[in-house]
Protein backbone atom coordinates (compact mmCIF):
# COMPACT_ATOMS: atom_id res chain seq x y z
CA MET A 1 144.13 109.71 -183.37
CA VAL A 2 145.90 108.00 -186.18
CA VAL A 3 144.69 108.65 -189.68
CA SER A 4 145.49 106.03 -192.30
CA SER A 5 145.45 106.60 -196.00
CA ALA A 6 145.25 104.35 -198.94
CA PRO A 7 148.58 103.59 -200.65
CA ASN A 8 149.62 105.59 -203.77
CA PHE A 9 148.49 102.94 -206.30
CA PRO A 10 149.92 103.40 -209.79
CA LEU A 11 146.62 103.57 -211.66
CA ARG A 12 148.13 104.92 -214.81
CA GLY A 13 150.23 101.81 -214.84
CA LEU A 14 147.12 99.67 -215.11
CA ARG A 15 146.13 101.10 -218.47
CA THR A 16 149.66 100.63 -219.77
CA PHE A 17 149.70 97.09 -218.46
CA CYS A 18 146.49 96.26 -220.31
CA VAL A 19 147.93 97.75 -223.65
CA ALA A 20 151.28 95.74 -223.19
CA ALA A 21 149.26 92.57 -222.05
CA ARG A 22 146.98 92.72 -225.15
CA HIS A 23 149.85 92.87 -227.51
CA GLU A 24 152.44 90.90 -225.22
CA SER A 25 154.91 93.63 -226.50
CA PHE A 26 156.28 96.79 -224.70
CA ARG A 27 157.40 98.07 -228.16
CA ILE A 28 153.82 97.89 -229.67
CA ALA A 29 152.25 99.26 -226.42
CA SER A 30 154.71 102.21 -226.52
CA GLN A 31 153.48 103.00 -230.11
CA GLU A 32 149.88 102.98 -229.17
CA LEU A 33 150.38 105.03 -226.06
CA PHE A 34 152.80 107.39 -227.63
CA ILE A 35 155.50 106.99 -224.97
CA THR A 36 158.93 105.22 -225.10
CA PRO A 37 159.34 101.43 -224.55
CA SER A 38 161.45 102.17 -221.57
CA ALA A 39 158.60 104.26 -220.03
CA VAL A 40 156.25 101.26 -220.67
CA SER A 41 158.74 99.00 -218.86
CA HIS A 42 159.12 101.48 -215.99
CA GLN A 43 155.39 101.68 -215.35
CA ILE A 44 155.06 97.83 -215.54
CA LYS A 45 157.86 97.51 -213.05
CA THR A 46 156.23 100.01 -210.70
CA LEU A 47 152.92 98.11 -211.00
CA GLU A 48 154.55 94.84 -210.33
CA GLN A 49 156.37 96.32 -207.21
CA SER A 50 153.08 97.79 -205.84
CA LEU A 51 151.33 94.43 -206.22
CA GLY A 52 154.19 92.25 -205.11
CA GLN A 53 153.58 90.10 -208.08
CA LYS A 54 155.22 89.26 -211.40
CA LEU A 55 153.07 90.06 -214.29
CA PHE A 56 155.43 89.26 -217.26
CA ASP A 57 157.87 86.62 -217.97
CA ARG A 58 160.75 88.07 -219.83
CA ASN A 59 162.81 85.40 -221.49
CA ASN A 60 165.01 85.49 -224.70
CA ARG A 61 163.48 88.73 -225.67
CA GLU A 62 160.01 87.27 -225.58
CA LEU A 63 157.22 88.69 -223.30
CA ARG A 64 154.55 86.40 -221.95
CA LEU A 65 152.03 87.07 -219.31
CA THR A 66 152.32 85.07 -216.02
CA GLU A 67 149.18 83.39 -214.76
CA THR A 68 148.76 86.36 -212.30
CA GLY A 69 149.25 88.76 -215.16
CA ARG A 70 146.60 87.13 -217.45
CA SER A 71 144.15 87.01 -214.45
CA LEU A 72 144.81 90.81 -213.75
CA TYR A 73 144.28 91.54 -217.38
CA GLU A 74 141.02 89.72 -217.57
CA ASP A 75 139.70 91.50 -214.51
CA VAL A 76 141.08 94.95 -215.20
CA SER A 77 140.70 95.48 -218.95
CA PRO A 78 136.96 95.73 -219.05
CA LEU A 79 137.16 98.32 -216.36
CA ILE A 80 139.79 100.39 -218.15
CA ASP A 81 137.74 100.19 -221.25
CA ARG A 82 134.58 101.25 -219.41
CA LEU A 83 136.41 104.34 -217.98
CA GLN A 84 137.79 105.23 -221.52
CA THR A 85 134.21 104.96 -222.85
CA ILE A 86 132.75 107.25 -220.27
CA ALA A 87 135.66 109.77 -220.61
CA THR A 88 135.22 109.72 -224.34
CA GLY A 89 131.63 110.33 -224.03
CA TYR A 90 132.29 113.79 -222.48
CA LYS A 91 134.20 115.17 -225.52
CA GLN A 92 133.33 118.64 -226.57
CA GLY A 93 130.10 118.73 -228.44
CA GLY A 94 128.20 116.31 -226.28
CA ARG A 95 128.40 112.69 -225.11
CA ASN A 96 129.21 110.12 -227.76
CA SER A 97 128.75 106.38 -227.43
CA SER A 98 131.94 104.36 -227.83
CA LEU A 99 132.62 100.65 -228.43
CA ARG A 100 135.54 98.38 -229.31
CA ILE A 101 135.45 95.70 -232.05
CA SER A 102 138.19 93.14 -232.81
CA VAL A 103 138.44 91.96 -236.29
CA GLN A 104 141.03 89.42 -237.70
CA PRO A 105 143.47 91.25 -239.92
CA PHE A 106 142.58 89.99 -243.32
CA PHE A 107 138.87 90.45 -242.78
CA ALA A 108 139.55 94.01 -241.45
CA SER A 109 141.82 95.11 -244.34
CA GLU A 110 139.66 93.51 -247.17
CA LEU A 111 135.96 93.98 -245.96
CA PHE A 112 135.41 95.75 -242.84
CA VAL A 113 137.72 98.70 -242.71
CA PRO A 114 137.06 99.74 -246.43
CA ARG A 115 133.23 100.13 -245.80
CA LEU A 116 133.39 101.41 -242.18
CA SER A 117 133.07 105.05 -243.36
CA GLU A 118 129.48 104.09 -244.46
CA PHE A 119 128.61 103.31 -240.83
CA THR A 120 130.34 106.36 -239.35
CA GLU A 121 128.58 108.57 -241.68
CA MET A 122 125.28 107.17 -240.73
CA HIS A 123 126.01 107.28 -236.93
CA PRO A 124 128.61 110.09 -236.27
CA ASN A 125 127.94 109.98 -232.54
CA ILE A 126 129.36 106.39 -232.23
CA ASP A 127 132.97 106.23 -231.70
CA ILE A 128 134.64 102.88 -232.85
CA GLN A 129 137.98 101.38 -231.86
CA VAL A 130 139.00 98.56 -234.17
CA GLY A 131 141.55 96.11 -233.02
CA THR A 132 143.11 93.68 -235.42
CA SER A 133 144.82 91.11 -233.24
CA ASP A 134 145.57 87.99 -235.02
CA GLU A 135 144.73 85.74 -232.05
CA THR A 136 144.00 82.24 -232.91
CA ALA A 137 140.37 81.58 -233.93
CA GLU A 138 137.65 80.52 -231.58
CA LYS A 139 138.30 83.12 -228.88
CA HIS A 140 136.55 86.57 -228.38
CA PRO A 141 139.08 88.99 -226.88
CA SER A 142 138.14 90.03 -223.42
CA ASP A 143 138.72 93.66 -224.08
CA SER A 144 136.24 93.89 -226.95
CA ASP A 145 132.29 94.51 -227.14
CA LEU A 146 132.04 92.66 -230.46
CA SER A 147 134.46 90.59 -232.63
CA ILE A 148 134.66 88.97 -235.99
CA ARG A 149 136.65 85.70 -235.77
CA LEU A 150 136.71 82.16 -237.21
CA PHE A 151 134.96 79.42 -235.18
CA ARG A 152 134.36 75.72 -236.15
CA SER A 153 130.99 75.94 -234.20
CA PRO A 154 129.04 78.71 -232.64
CA PRO A 155 130.51 79.78 -229.30
CA THR A 156 128.50 78.26 -226.44
CA ASN A 157 129.06 80.95 -223.87
CA MET A 158 128.41 84.12 -225.96
CA PRO A 159 125.78 85.31 -228.37
CA SER A 160 126.86 85.08 -231.98
CA SER A 161 125.68 84.92 -235.60
CA MET A 162 127.45 83.28 -238.48
CA LEU A 163 128.51 85.58 -241.36
CA PHE A 164 129.85 83.09 -244.00
CA PRO A 165 131.85 79.90 -244.29
CA LEU A 166 135.59 80.09 -245.00
CA ARG A 167 136.13 78.75 -248.57
CA LEU A 168 139.66 78.48 -250.03
CA VAL A 169 140.71 78.37 -253.64
CA PRO A 170 144.28 78.03 -255.15
CA ALA A 171 145.61 81.28 -256.50
CA GLY A 172 148.81 82.67 -257.99
CA SER A 173 150.16 85.37 -260.22
CA PRO A 174 149.18 85.47 -263.94
CA ASP A 175 152.79 84.52 -264.86
CA PHE A 176 152.67 81.56 -262.40
CA LYS A 177 149.52 80.22 -264.02
CA LYS A 178 151.03 80.51 -267.46
CA LYS A 179 153.95 78.22 -266.36
CA MET A 180 151.68 75.62 -264.65
CA ARG A 181 151.12 72.37 -266.41
CA VAL A 182 148.65 69.72 -265.52
CA GLU A 183 148.47 66.22 -267.05
CA ARG A 184 145.76 63.57 -266.01
CA LYS A 185 144.82 65.69 -263.01
CA SER A 186 148.58 65.82 -261.86
CA ILE A 187 150.48 69.00 -261.63
CA VAL A 188 153.76 68.25 -263.50
CA SER A 189 155.24 71.66 -263.52
CA ASP A 190 157.41 73.33 -260.63
CA PHE A 191 154.66 74.22 -258.10
CA PRO A 192 155.84 75.61 -254.76
CA ILE A 193 153.08 75.91 -252.41
CA ILE A 194 152.46 78.75 -249.86
CA VAL A 195 151.24 77.42 -246.55
CA HIS A 196 149.25 79.63 -244.12
CA GLU A 197 150.40 78.25 -240.65
CA ALA A 198 146.87 78.54 -239.27
CA ARG A 199 145.78 75.86 -241.74
CA PRO A 200 148.80 73.58 -242.41
CA LYS A 201 146.66 70.63 -243.74
CA ALA A 202 144.60 72.82 -246.14
CA TRP A 203 146.56 71.93 -249.21
CA ALA A 204 146.34 68.27 -248.65
CA GLN A 205 142.57 68.63 -247.91
CA TRP A 206 142.08 70.57 -251.10
CA SER A 207 144.11 67.98 -253.18
CA SER A 208 141.89 65.14 -251.64
CA MET A 209 138.78 66.98 -252.36
CA SER A 210 139.59 68.03 -255.89
CA GLY A 211 141.41 64.98 -257.07
CA VAL A 212 144.33 67.04 -258.28
CA ARG A 213 147.68 65.49 -257.18
CA LEU A 214 150.29 68.01 -256.05
CA PRO A 215 153.95 67.26 -256.89
CA THR A 216 155.57 64.95 -254.43
CA GLN A 217 158.54 67.14 -254.12
CA ALA A 218 156.76 70.47 -253.97
CA ASN A 219 158.61 73.17 -251.97
CA ALA A 220 156.59 74.65 -249.15
CA ILE A 221 156.80 78.29 -248.02
CA ARG A 222 155.27 78.82 -244.59
CA LEU A 223 153.84 82.29 -243.58
CA ASP A 224 151.98 83.21 -240.43
CA SER A 225 149.54 85.58 -241.98
CA MET A 226 146.99 85.51 -245.00
CA ILE A 227 148.03 89.07 -246.19
CA ALA A 228 151.69 87.85 -246.36
CA ALA A 229 150.54 84.63 -248.27
CA ILE A 230 148.62 86.58 -250.89
CA ARG A 231 151.38 89.02 -251.19
CA ALA A 232 153.75 86.26 -251.80
CA ALA A 233 151.37 84.64 -254.37
CA GLU A 234 151.05 88.03 -256.21
CA ARG A 235 154.84 88.24 -256.64
CA GLY A 236 154.91 84.71 -258.10
CA VAL A 237 156.58 83.04 -255.07
CA GLY A 238 154.16 80.17 -255.22
CA ALA A 239 150.56 79.07 -255.03
CA ALA A 240 148.43 80.08 -252.09
CA LEU A 241 144.98 78.90 -250.75
CA VAL A 242 143.19 82.23 -250.49
CA PRO A 243 139.75 82.84 -248.87
CA LEU A 244 136.94 83.56 -251.46
CA ARG A 245 135.01 86.88 -250.79
CA LEU A 246 137.91 88.24 -248.82
CA ALA A 247 140.23 88.14 -251.83
CA ASP A 248 137.60 89.30 -254.31
CA LEU A 249 139.42 92.61 -255.04
CA TRP A 250 142.67 90.84 -255.72
CA PHE A 251 140.99 88.77 -258.21
CA LYS A 252 139.15 91.78 -259.83
CA HIS A 253 142.49 93.65 -260.16
CA GLY A 254 144.16 90.74 -261.75
CA SER A 255 147.07 90.68 -259.38
CA ILE A 256 146.24 87.12 -258.67
CA VAL A 257 144.22 84.69 -260.56
CA ARG A 258 142.44 81.41 -259.91
CA LEU A 259 144.70 78.31 -260.76
CA PHE A 260 141.95 75.76 -260.41
CA ASN A 261 138.01 76.16 -259.98
CA GLN A 262 137.63 73.59 -257.25
CA VAL A 263 136.92 75.30 -253.90
CA LEU A 264 137.72 73.78 -250.54
CA LEU A 265 134.93 74.32 -247.96
CA THR A 266 136.68 74.28 -244.61
CA ASP A 267 135.32 73.40 -241.23
CA ALA A 268 135.40 77.05 -239.99
CA SER A 269 133.13 80.09 -240.52
CA TYR A 270 133.38 83.72 -239.67
CA TYR A 271 131.19 84.63 -236.88
CA LEU A 272 130.02 87.99 -235.29
CA VAL A 273 130.32 87.65 -231.59
CA TRP A 274 129.25 90.05 -228.80
CA THR A 275 129.17 90.39 -225.00
CA GLU A 276 126.17 89.84 -222.97
CA ALA A 277 127.09 92.82 -220.89
CA ARG A 278 126.51 95.31 -223.73
CA ALA A 279 124.13 93.30 -225.87
CA ALA A 280 121.24 95.79 -225.41
CA ASP A 281 123.38 98.97 -225.89
CA GLU A 282 122.03 101.07 -228.72
CA SER A 283 125.47 101.56 -230.22
CA VAL A 284 126.28 97.78 -230.13
CA CYS A 285 122.89 96.98 -231.67
CA LYS A 286 123.35 99.35 -234.53
CA LEU A 287 126.90 98.17 -235.38
CA ARG A 288 125.73 94.63 -235.12
CA GLU A 289 122.82 95.18 -237.57
CA TRP A 290 125.03 96.87 -239.97
CA ILE A 291 127.66 94.15 -240.03
CA LEU A 292 124.88 91.48 -240.50
CA GLN A 293 123.26 93.46 -243.29
CA ASN A 294 126.53 94.01 -245.15
CA PHE A 295 128.67 90.91 -244.44
CA SER A 296 126.34 87.92 -243.69
CA GLU A 297 125.40 85.68 -246.57
CA SER A 298 121.91 85.68 -245.09
CA GLY A 299 121.82 89.32 -244.54
């Protein structure tokens, strides 16, 4: 009689693959997993050999998922997260509930994380993993139970609740404002603008809305994160359009000031989004209720 056995499939490599796929970076994955980048690369290579499929394109030092890799990530990531949730629940002292929420970086740093201890003190048996990927708006990460992201309209394929609209106001350092000169609703002083690449037309939209004309030869500094844009404005590099409410502490501390009172109401709003699969979970319901109470304008 011939006895067949299943191949020795590298299951450990699947978790490593999911982390690397989420960040599209072996270096960041190695930091999250506390292993070397070469170990990450070796595990991914072993997984690719076992599958007979290429999961990443490695070109010019850039790492991009192949179509097969993206499909595998979407199928496997929820399963890996579920296994981690189950295993975490068996920690010493009893089973805990675990969930993952993805929050866009500036929202996380200015609103969500500073107040998260309030929730954890009320619910010590709920373990929360916070991801701060800066994925483009209007997409709920497949590896998260909830997310807070920008949408122009409510997502049609997932339950959601609007928190508040994205409103932008011009801001700069106190010294920058002292040097600014406006004549007949035209800025006539040197006025470099800081452009957040996610909203390249925002300054033109603000100018049209406010009636304030920008200098025709204004220099533009383009940055890919709102945190970097505000830091640059704080240091006097130029004027930035910053989100009201998210930048409240910066204004209160006086590190940046409002350059004009006119506020641009954008076409996007922050939404809390959650998956149908865990919508009824007690831990998800409690976090969702806390977020709506604390961050929703209608809360």
